[in-house]
Protein backbone atom coordinates (compact mmCIF):
# COMPACT_ATOMS: atom_id res chain seq x y z
CA MET A 1 0.00 0.00 0.00
CA ASN A 2 1.84 3.08 -1.29
CA LEU A 3 -1.01 5.37 -0.30
CA ILE A 4 -3.79 5.13 2.27
CA LEU A 5 -6.92 5.96 0.31
CA LEU A 6 -9.52 7.86 2.33
CA GLU A 7 -13.23 8.14 1.68
CA PRO A 8 -15.49 10.99 2.84
CA SER A 9 -17.14 8.69 5.42
CA ASP A 10 -13.74 8.25 7.16
CA PHE A 11 -13.62 11.89 8.31
CA LEU A 12 -14.57 12.81 11.85
CA SER A 13 -13.87 16.48 11.07
CA ALA A 14 -12.26 18.50 8.29
CA THR A 15 -8.80 17.13 9.17
CA GLN A 16 -9.40 14.16 11.50
CA VAL A 17 -9.78 10.63 10.12
CA ARG A 18 -10.57 7.32 11.81
CA LEU A 19 -9.91 4.00 10.05
CA THR A 20 -10.69 0.41 10.98
CA GLY A 21 -10.48 -2.89 9.12
CA ARG A 22 -8.06 -3.63 6.26
CA ARG A 23 -6.37 -0.22 6.12
CA GLN A 24 -5.87 -0.06 9.90
CA ARG A 25 -4.41 -3.59 9.95
CA HIS A 26 -2.07 -2.78 7.06
CA VAL A 27 -0.70 0.31 8.83
CA LEU A 28 -0.30 -1.65 12.06
CA GLU A 29 1.19 -4.86 10.64
CA VAL A 30 3.00 -3.80 7.44
CA HIS A 31 3.97 -0.16 8.00
CA GLN A 32 4.40 -0.92 11.72
CA ALA A 33 3.62 2.74 12.29
CA GLN A 34 3.56 4.47 15.63
CA ALA A 35 1.97 7.63 16.98
CA GLY A 36 3.78 10.66 15.58
CA GLN A 37 4.67 8.99 12.27
CA GLN A 38 3.56 10.50 8.95
CA LEU A 39 1.98 8.40 6.20
CA THR A 40 1.02 9.22 2.61
CA VAL A 41 -2.75 9.59 2.24
CA GLY A 42 -5.15 10.62 -0.48
CA LEU A 43 -8.86 11.40 -0.71
CA LEU A 44 -10.85 9.36 -3.19
CA ASN A 45 -11.18 11.49 -6.34
CA GLY A 46 -9.32 14.27 -4.52
CA GLN A 47 -5.89 15.45 -3.43
CA ILE A 48 -3.04 13.60 -1.75
CA GLY A 49 -0.97 14.63 1.25
CA LYS A 50 0.22 13.46 4.66
CA GLY A 51 -1.50 11.86 7.59
CA LEU A 52 0.00 12.19 11.08
CA VAL A 53 -0.74 9.13 13.22
CA THR A 54 -2.37 10.35 16.42
CA ARG A 55 -3.68 6.98 17.60
CA LEU A 56 -3.04 3.40 16.52
CA ASP A 57 -4.04 0.23 18.33
CA GLU A 58 -5.52 -3.19 17.56
CA THR A 59 -8.93 -1.77 16.66
CA GLN A 60 -8.52 1.64 15.04
CA LEU A 61 -6.24 4.21 13.48
CA GLU A 62 -6.66 7.97 13.79
CA LEU A 63 -4.87 10.46 11.55
CA GLU A 64 -4.56 14.21 11.35
CA VAL A 65 -4.50 14.79 7.60
CA SER A 66 -3.36 17.58 5.32
CA LEU A 67 -4.21 17.24 1.62
CA THR A 68 -2.12 19.67 -0.42
CA THR A 69 -1.10 18.07 -3.73
CA ASP A 70 -3.05 17.16 -6.83
CA ALA A 71 -3.11 13.43 -7.55
CA PRO A 72 -1.76 12.05 -10.85
CA PRO A 73 -4.41 12.65 -13.53
CA ALA A 74 -6.23 9.71 -15.05
CA LEU A 75 -5.45 8.83 -18.65
CA PRO A 76 -7.89 9.91 -21.37
CA LEU A 77 -8.62 6.23 -21.95
CA THR A 78 -11.80 4.16 -22.07
CA LEU A 79 -11.15 0.42 -21.91
CA ILE A 80 -13.81 -1.81 -23.43
CA LEU A 81 -13.04 -5.24 -22.04
CA ALA A 82 -14.77 -8.51 -22.88
CA LEU A 83 -15.55 -9.95 -19.45
CA PRO A 84 -12.58 -12.12 -18.36
CA ARG A 85 -12.84 -15.19 -16.15
CA PRO A 86 -13.39 -14.15 -12.52
CA LYS A 87 -9.85 -14.57 -11.17
CA MET A 88 -8.40 -12.74 -14.15
CA LEU A 89 -11.05 -10.03 -13.82
CA ARG A 90 -9.79 -8.97 -10.39
CA ARG A 91 -6.17 -8.70 -11.52
CA THR A 92 -7.08 -6.90 -14.73
CA LEU A 93 -9.21 -4.34 -12.90
CA GLN A 94 -6.33 -3.65 -10.54
CA HIS A 95 -3.80 -3.30 -13.38
CA ALA A 96 -6.07 -1.02 -15.41
CA CYS A 97 -6.73 1.21 -12.42
CA THR A 98 -3.05 1.35 -11.47
CA LEU A 99 -2.19 2.49 -14.99
CA GLY A 100 -4.81 5.25 -14.93
CA VAL A 101 -7.76 4.09 -17.07
CA SER A 102 -10.64 6.58 -16.80
CA ARG A 103 -13.52 4.29 -17.76
CA ILE A 104 -13.89 0.52 -17.97
CA VAL A 105 -16.77 -1.10 -19.88
CA LEU A 106 -17.16 -4.83 -19.27
CA VAL A 107 -18.98 -6.34 -22.24
CA ASN A 108 -20.21 -9.71 -23.37
CA ALA A 109 -18.70 -11.54 -26.35
CA VAL A 110 -19.16 -14.89 -28.07
CA ARG A 111 -16.19 -16.40 -26.26
CA VAL A 112 -17.27 -15.13 -22.82
CA GLU A 113 -18.80 -17.97 -20.83
CA LYS A 114 -22.28 -17.18 -19.52
CA SER A 115 -21.26 -18.29 -16.03
CA PHE A 116 -18.74 -15.41 -15.82
CA TRP A 117 -21.66 -12.97 -15.45
CA GLN A 118 -22.79 -14.78 -12.29
CA THR A 119 -19.58 -14.21 -10.35
CA PRO A 120 -19.85 -12.26 -7.08
CA PHE A 121 -16.74 -10.35 -8.23
CA LEU A 122 -19.07 -8.26 -10.44
CA GLN A 123 -20.94 -6.87 -7.46
CA GLU A 124 -20.41 -3.14 -7.03
CA GLN A 125 -18.53 -3.48 -3.73
CA ALA A 126 -16.27 -6.22 -5.09
CA ILE A 127 -15.33 -4.11 -8.11
CA HIS A 128 -14.74 -1.10 -5.86
CA GLU A 129 -12.33 -3.11 -3.70
CA GLN A 130 -10.18 -4.07 -6.69
CA LEU A 131 -10.10 -0.50 -7.99
CA VAL A 132 -9.05 0.78 -4.57
CA LEU A 133 -6.18 -1.72 -4.49
CA GLY A 134 -5.07 -0.41 -7.88
CA LEU A 135 -5.17 3.21 -6.71
CA GLU A 136 -3.25 2.41 -3.53
CA GLN A 137 -0.53 0.78 -5.61
CA ALA A 138 -0.28 3.72 -8.01
CA ARG A 139 -0.47 6.41 -5.31
CA ALA A 140 -3.43 7.85 -7.18
CA THR A 141 -6.99 8.78 -6.26
CA GLN A 142 -9.10 9.01 -9.44
CA LEU A 143 -11.60 6.13 -9.40
CA PRO A 144 -12.51 4.84 -12.88
CA GLU A 145 -16.12 4.63 -13.96
CA VAL A 146 -17.14 0.97 -14.51
CA LEU A 147 -20.05 -0.03 -16.76
CA LEU A 148 -21.44 -3.54 -17.31
CA ARG A 149 -22.99 -4.34 -20.68
CA LYS A 150 -24.28 -7.88 -21.17
CA ARG A 151 -25.39 -7.52 -24.80
CA PHE A 152 -22.62 -6.86 -27.31
CA LYS A 153 -24.58 -5.88 -30.42
CA PRO A 154 -26.93 -3.31 -28.81
CA PHE A 155 -23.98 -1.79 -26.95
CA VAL A 156 -21.84 -1.43 -30.09
CA GLU A 157 -24.67 -0.16 -32.27
CA ASP A 158 -26.60 2.06 -29.86
CA GLU A 159 -24.22 3.23 -27.14
CA LEU A 160 -20.65 2.96 -28.38
CA PRO A 161 -20.77 5.65 -31.10
CA ALA A 162 -21.53 8.38 -28.55
CA LEU A 163 -19.17 6.92 -25.96
CA CYS A 164 -16.16 6.91 -28.31
CA ALA A 165 -16.96 10.07 -30.29
CA GLY A 166 -13.86 12.14 -30.99
CA SER A 167 -11.46 9.47 -29.74
CA GLN A 168 -8.78 7.31 -31.30
CA CYS A 169 -10.61 3.96 -31.53
CA LEU A 170 -8.55 0.75 -31.48
CA VAL A 171 -9.38 -2.93 -31.12
CA ALA A 172 -6.70 -5.43 -30.13
CA HIS A 173 -6.63 -8.12 -32.81
CA PRO A 174 -3.64 -10.42 -33.39
CA TYR A 175 -4.53 -11.11 -37.03
CA THR A 176 -3.92 -7.70 -38.52
CA GLU A 177 -0.93 -5.92 -40.07
CA GLN A 178 -1.12 -2.69 -38.04
CA ALA A 179 0.98 -2.57 -34.86
CA CYS A 180 -0.41 -0.76 -31.84
CA PRO A 181 0.62 2.93 -32.18
CA ALA A 182 1.30 5.53 -29.54
CA ALA A 183 -1.72 7.59 -28.62
CA ASP A 184 -2.19 10.78 -30.59
CA GLU A 185 -3.62 13.99 -29.12
CA ARG A 186 -7.16 12.57 -28.92
CA PRO A 187 -8.62 10.47 -26.10
CA VAL A 188 -8.39 6.73 -26.74
CA THR A 189 -11.08 4.06 -26.73
CA LEU A 190 -9.46 0.61 -26.63
CA ALA A 191 -11.36 -2.66 -27.08
CA VAL A 192 -9.82 -5.92 -25.84
CA GLY A 193 -11.46 -9.27 -26.43
CA PRO A 194 -11.66 -12.41 -24.28
CA GLU A 195 -9.23 -15.31 -24.28
CA GLY A 196 -9.16 -16.38 -27.94
CA GLY A 197 -10.06 -12.84 -29.05
CA PHE A 198 -13.17 -11.32 -30.56
CA VAL A 199 -14.73 -13.45 -33.31
CA PRO A 200 -14.70 -11.97 -36.85
CA TYR A 201 -18.30 -10.74 -36.55
CA GLU A 202 -17.42 -8.78 -33.40
CA VAL A 203 -14.32 -7.28 -35.01
CA ASP A 204 -16.39 -6.27 -38.03
CA LYS A 205 -19.01 -4.59 -35.82
CA LEU A 206 -16.30 -2.65 -34.01
CA MET A 207 -14.75 -1.63 -37.33
CA GLU A 208 -18.17 -0.39 -38.48
CA ALA A 209 -18.16 1.77 -35.33
CA GLY A 210 -14.83 3.29 -36.39
CA PHE A 211 -12.32 1.02 -34.64
CA SER A 212 -8.98 0.11 -36.22
CA PRO A 213 -7.53 -3.36 -35.49
CA VAL A 214 -4.00 -3.37 -34.04
CA HIS A 215 -1.64 -6.07 -32.84
CA LEU A 216 1.12 -6.43 -30.25
CA GLY A 217 3.49 -8.62 -32.25
CA PRO A 218 3.76 -12.34 -32.97
CA ARG A 219 3.17 -13.54 -29.39
CA ILE A 220 -0.35 -14.27 -28.18
CA LEU A 221 -0.83 -12.75 -24.71
CA ARG A 222 -3.32 -13.43 -21.97
CA VAL A 223 -5.80 -10.63 -21.35
CA GLU A 224 -4.23 -9.69 -18.01
CA THR A 225 -0.87 -9.29 -19.81
CA ALA A 226 -2.20 -7.70 -23.00
CA VAL A 227 -4.06 -4.88 -21.25
CA PRO A 228 -1.00 -3.41 -19.47
CA VAL A 229 1.15 -3.84 -22.58
CA LEU A 230 -1.40 -2.05 -24.77
CA ILE A 231 -1.76 0.81 -22.32
CA SER A 232 2.01 1.11 -22.04
CA LYS A 233 2.43 1.29 -25.81
CA LEU A 234 -0.26 3.93 -26.05
CA PHE A 235 0.73 6.21 -23.17
CA TYR A 236 4.04 5.30 -21.49
């Protein structure tokens, strides 16, 4: 945990914070902090700064906080991601959030198993937990927007054109000649398929919506590997 992420409900006053649970245990057991020690903190979707430990025991942590610095900005990037298998979903959400994705749209695809949509990891709180872990790692505070879309064709035809308007639209597809470019001055909308990739019909529908297929080279990567590599090629 490179940053202790605070939520508005944690504040007892304008500068006083009380934490319990996972964050309190991490400070106690990993940071092994003591009263008088300063820790890096940040407010969800707000600034970052320092938190002075005023009380720490087995049940709670109290901090006197000062938020003075703007957090790293999120990338102008919307990630359209065919729903991965549950274990991979958690890691991919963390990676995407750590790298600064602004919006994540989880969509259905032919090669997405129906059972994936039944996982408890898609519950709002479960998604929030993974995003928070990603922000804590990155020492960032901007929480991505996450949308769930269970029907591919209506999403691509009815919703996607407005969502990606004015952006550089790319779909990861290993069977194309165009390598993934660096992002230009526009925002980016990036579509990544499931294990095995989007089927030709899905690629065609995305191309009709203005997406250009791009590849990452001759190696076929897992989704959890491909997403960070694509984002790195675009922005880092």
